[in-house]
Amino acid sequence: MAFIKAKLYLDAQPADQIVEFIVDDGEANEPLPRSIQKIGHQILSIKPCSEEIISEINSSHNSKIPNAAHLNVLLIKVQVKK
C-alpha cells in the first residue's frame, strides 16, 4: 500500500521536485526504495528518523508526527524524475 500511495504522490509532482517520505521501518516497506527507483525516480537518501528530524518536519510543515523516540521509522528522500 505504501508504494501505491508514494507512486500516486510522485506522479503528481513536477520533475526535479525533492520529496520526503516517512515510513515504518518494517519488512513490508523494505522494497519501497527499490520500487520507487524502478519507476524512474532517484533515491537521494534513506536514513533513520531522529527526534530532530521529526521536530524539524513538524515545525516546517505544520505537521503532528509523534515523537520518534519510540518509533522505528525511516526518512526516504526522493528526486522526482519524469
N, C-alpha and C. Protein backbone atom coordinates (compact mmCIF):
# COMPACT_ATOMS: atom_id res chain seq x y z
N MET A 1 0.81 -1.19 0.00
CA MET A 1 0.00 0.00 0.00
C MET A 1 0.86 1.27 0.00
N ALA A 2 2.00 1.22 0.69
CA ALA A 2 2.87 2.40 0.74
C ALA A 2 3.38 2.76 -0.65
N PHE A 3 3.70 1.75 -1.47
CA PHE A 3 4.20 2.04 -2.81
C PHE A 3 3.13 2.72 -3.65
N ILE A 4 1.91 2.24 -3.58
CA ILE A 4 0.83 2.85 -4.37
C ILE A 4 0.63 4.30 -3.98
N LYS A 5 0.61 4.58 -2.68
CA LYS A 5 0.45 5.96 -2.22
C LYS A 5 1.64 6.82 -2.66
N ALA A 6 2.85 6.28 -2.54
CA ALA A 6 4.05 7.02 -2.95
C ALA A 6 4.02 7.29 -4.44
N LYS A 7 3.66 6.29 -5.24
CA LYS A 7 3.62 6.46 -6.70
C LYS A 7 2.60 7.53 -7.10
N LEU A 8 1.42 7.48 -6.53
CA LEU A 8 0.40 8.47 -6.85
C LEU A 8 0.87 9.88 -6.49
N TYR A 9 1.52 10.01 -5.35
CA TYR A 9 2.03 11.32 -4.93
C TYR A 9 3.14 11.79 -5.87
N LEU A 10 4.09 10.91 -6.17
CA LEU A 10 5.20 11.27 -7.04
C LEU A 10 4.73 11.63 -8.44
N ASP A 11 3.73 10.91 -8.95
CA ASP A 11 3.20 11.20 -10.28
C ASP A 11 2.60 12.60 -10.38
N ALA A 12 2.14 13.12 -9.25
CA ALA A 12 1.50 14.44 -9.23
C ALA A 12 2.50 15.59 -9.04
N GLN A 13 3.78 15.25 -8.83
CA GLN A 13 4.79 16.27 -8.55
C GLN A 13 5.53 16.66 -9.83
N PRO A 14 6.02 17.90 -9.91
CA PRO A 14 6.81 18.31 -11.07
C PRO A 14 8.18 17.66 -11.08
N ALA A 15 8.77 17.57 -12.27
CA ALA A 15 10.11 16.99 -12.40
C ALA A 15 11.11 17.75 -11.53
N ASP A 16 12.05 17.04 -10.98
CA ASP A 16 13.13 17.55 -10.15
C ASP A 16 12.69 18.01 -8.76
N GLN A 17 11.44 17.85 -8.42
CA GLN A 17 10.95 18.15 -7.07
C GLN A 17 11.61 17.18 -6.09
N ILE A 18 11.99 17.66 -4.92
CA ILE A 18 12.53 16.80 -3.86
C ILE A 18 11.38 16.49 -2.90
N VAL A 19 11.16 15.21 -2.65
CA VAL A 19 10.05 14.75 -1.82
C VAL A 19 10.62 13.88 -0.71
N GLU A 20 10.05 14.01 0.49
CA GLU A 20 10.47 13.18 1.62
C GLU A 20 9.28 12.35 2.09
N PHE A 21 9.55 11.06 2.30
CA PHE A 21 8.54 10.15 2.84
C PHE A 21 9.04 9.64 4.18
N ILE A 22 8.14 9.58 5.14
CA ILE A 22 8.43 8.94 6.42
C ILE A 22 7.64 7.65 6.43
N VAL A 23 8.37 6.53 6.55
CA VAL A 23 7.72 5.23 6.50
C VAL A 23 8.18 4.35 7.66
N ASP A 24 7.33 3.43 8.03
CA ASP A 24 7.65 2.45 9.05
C ASP A 24 8.82 1.60 8.55
N ASP A 25 9.81 1.40 9.38
CA ASP A 25 10.98 0.61 9.01
C ASP A 25 10.71 -0.87 9.25
N GLY A 26 9.69 -1.36 8.60
CA GLY A 26 9.32 -2.76 8.75
C GLY A 26 9.55 -3.53 7.46
N GLU A 27 9.38 -4.81 7.56
CA GLU A 27 9.59 -5.70 6.41
C GLU A 27 8.70 -5.32 5.23
N ALA A 28 7.48 -4.88 5.50
CA ALA A 28 6.54 -4.55 4.43
C ALA A 28 7.04 -3.39 3.56
N ASN A 29 7.80 -2.47 4.14
CA ASN A 29 8.30 -1.31 3.39
C ASN A 29 9.72 -1.48 2.88
N GLU A 30 10.32 -2.62 3.12
CA GLU A 30 11.71 -2.83 2.69
C GLU A 30 11.91 -2.63 1.19
N PRO A 31 10.99 -3.11 0.32
CA PRO A 31 11.20 -2.92 -1.12
C PRO A 31 10.80 -1.54 -1.64
N LEU A 32 10.30 -0.66 -0.80
CA LEU A 32 9.80 0.64 -1.26
C LEU A 32 10.84 1.47 -2.02
N PRO A 33 12.04 1.69 -1.49
CA PRO A 33 13.02 2.48 -2.24
C PRO A 33 13.36 1.87 -3.60
N ARG A 34 13.52 0.57 -3.64
CA ARG A 34 13.84 -0.11 -4.90
C ARG A 34 12.69 0.04 -5.90
N SER A 35 11.46 -0.07 -5.43
CA SER A 35 10.29 0.09 -6.30
C SER A 35 10.19 1.51 -6.83
N ILE A 36 10.51 2.50 -5.99
CA ILE A 36 10.49 3.90 -6.43
C ILE A 36 11.55 4.11 -7.51
N GLN A 37 12.71 3.51 -7.33
CA GLN A 37 13.76 3.62 -8.35
C GLN A 37 13.34 2.96 -9.66
N LYS A 38 12.68 1.82 -9.57
CA LYS A 38 12.26 1.09 -10.77
C LYS A 38 11.30 1.89 -11.64
N ILE A 39 10.55 2.80 -11.04
CA ILE A 39 9.63 3.61 -11.85
C ILE A 39 10.29 4.91 -12.30
N GLY A 40 11.60 5.02 -12.06
CA GLY A 40 12.37 6.09 -12.67
C GLY A 40 12.78 7.26 -11.79
N HIS A 41 12.45 7.22 -10.51
CA HIS A 41 12.82 8.32 -9.62
C HIS A 41 14.16 8.02 -8.95
N GLN A 42 14.81 9.06 -8.45
CA GLN A 42 16.13 8.90 -7.83
C GLN A 42 16.02 8.97 -6.31
N ILE A 43 16.54 7.96 -5.64
CA ILE A 43 16.60 7.96 -4.18
C ILE A 43 17.83 8.77 -3.79
N LEU A 44 17.63 9.84 -3.05
CA LEU A 44 18.74 10.70 -2.62
C LEU A 44 19.32 10.23 -1.29
N SER A 45 18.45 9.77 -0.40
CA SER A 45 18.94 9.26 0.89
C SER A 45 17.87 8.44 1.58
N ILE A 46 18.34 7.55 2.44
CA ILE A 46 17.47 6.75 3.31
C ILE A 46 18.15 6.76 4.66
N LYS A 47 17.46 7.28 5.66
CA LYS A 47 18.09 7.31 6.99
C LYS A 47 17.03 7.18 8.08
N PRO A 48 17.46 6.66 9.22
CA PRO A 48 16.53 6.57 10.35
C PRO A 48 16.05 7.96 10.75
N CYS A 49 14.83 8.04 11.15
CA CYS A 49 14.25 9.32 11.59
C CYS A 49 14.59 9.56 13.05
N SER A 50 15.28 10.63 13.30
CA SER A 50 15.60 11.00 14.68
C SER A 50 14.54 11.98 15.19
N GLU A 51 14.59 12.24 16.48
CA GLU A 51 13.67 13.23 17.06
C GLU A 51 13.89 14.60 16.44
N GLU A 52 15.14 14.93 16.11
CA GLU A 52 15.44 16.22 15.49
C GLU A 52 14.75 16.35 14.13
N ILE A 53 14.81 15.29 13.34
CA ILE A 53 14.17 15.32 12.01
C ILE A 53 12.66 15.47 12.16
N ILE A 54 12.07 14.71 13.08
CA ILE A 54 10.62 14.80 13.31
C ILE A 54 10.24 16.21 13.74
N SER A 55 11.00 16.80 14.66
CA SER A 55 10.72 18.17 15.13
C SER A 55 10.82 19.17 13.98
N GLU A 56 11.85 19.01 13.15
CA GLU A 56 12.04 19.91 12.01
C GLU A 56 10.87 19.80 11.03
N ILE A 57 10.45 18.58 10.74
CA ILE A 57 9.31 18.39 9.82
C ILE A 57 8.05 18.96 10.43
N ASN A 58 7.81 18.69 11.69
CA ASN A 58 6.62 19.22 12.35
C ASN A 58 6.57 20.74 12.29
N SER A 59 7.69 21.40 12.52
CA SER A 59 7.69 22.86 12.54
C SER A 59 7.62 23.46 11.14
N SER A 60 8.29 22.85 10.18
CA SER A 60 8.31 23.43 8.83
C SER A 60 7.07 23.11 8.01
N HIS A 61 6.36 22.05 8.36
CA HIS A 61 5.18 21.66 7.59
C HIS A 61 3.89 21.73 8.40
N ASN A 62 3.97 22.28 9.60
CA ASN A 62 2.80 22.35 10.48
C ASN A 62 2.15 20.98 10.63
N SER A 63 2.98 19.94 10.84
CA SER A 63 2.53 18.56 10.96
C SER A 63 2.43 18.15 12.42
N LYS A 64 1.88 17.00 12.65
CA LYS A 64 1.76 16.46 14.01
C LYS A 64 2.26 15.01 14.03
N ILE A 65 3.50 14.80 13.59
CA ILE A 65 4.09 13.47 13.64
C ILE A 65 4.51 13.21 15.08
N PRO A 66 4.19 12.03 15.62
CA PRO A 66 4.53 11.76 17.02
C PRO A 66 6.02 11.69 17.26
N ASN A 67 6.40 11.73 18.52
CA ASN A 67 7.79 11.63 18.94
C ASN A 67 8.42 10.37 18.36
N ALA A 68 9.60 10.50 17.76
CA ALA A 68 10.26 9.38 17.08
C ALA A 68 11.01 8.46 18.03
N ALA A 69 11.14 8.82 19.28
CA ALA A 69 11.95 8.02 20.21
C ALA A 69 11.45 6.58 20.31
N HIS A 70 10.15 6.39 20.26
CA HIS A 70 9.62 5.04 20.39
C HIS A 70 9.19 4.45 19.04
N LEU A 71 9.43 5.19 17.95
CA LEU A 71 9.06 4.71 16.63
C LEU A 71 10.29 4.21 15.88
N ASN A 72 10.10 3.25 15.01
CA ASN A 72 11.17 2.75 14.16
C ASN A 72 10.80 3.14 12.73
N VAL A 73 11.17 4.37 12.34
CA VAL A 73 10.76 4.90 11.04
C VAL A 73 11.97 5.39 10.25
N LEU A 74 11.79 5.43 8.93
CA LEU A 74 12.83 5.90 8.03
C LEU A 74 12.38 7.15 7.30
N LEU A 75 13.32 7.98 6.95
CA LEU A 75 13.09 9.14 6.10
C LEU A 75 13.72 8.82 4.75
N ILE A 76 12.89 8.77 3.71
CA ILE A 76 13.36 8.48 2.36
C ILE A 76 13.22 9.75 1.55
N LYS A 77 14.33 10.27 1.04
CA LYS A 77 14.34 11.49 0.24
C LYS A 77 14.46 11.09 -1.23
N VAL A 78 13.53 11.60 -2.06
CA VAL A 78 13.43 11.20 -3.46
C VAL A 78 13.42 12.44 -4.36
N GLN A 79 14.13 12.36 -5.48
CA GLN A 79 14.03 13.39 -6.51
C GLN A 79 13.14 12.85 -7.62
N VAL A 80 12.09 13.61 -7.93
CA VAL A 80 11.12 13.20 -8.94
C VAL A 80 11.75 13.32 -10.33
N LYS A 81 11.61 12.26 -11.09
CA LYS A 81 12.06 12.26 -12.48
C LYS A 81 10.85 11.96 -13.36
N LYS A 82 10.74 12.65 -14.46
CA LYS A 82 9.60 12.43 -15.38
C LYS A 82 10.08 11.91 -16.69
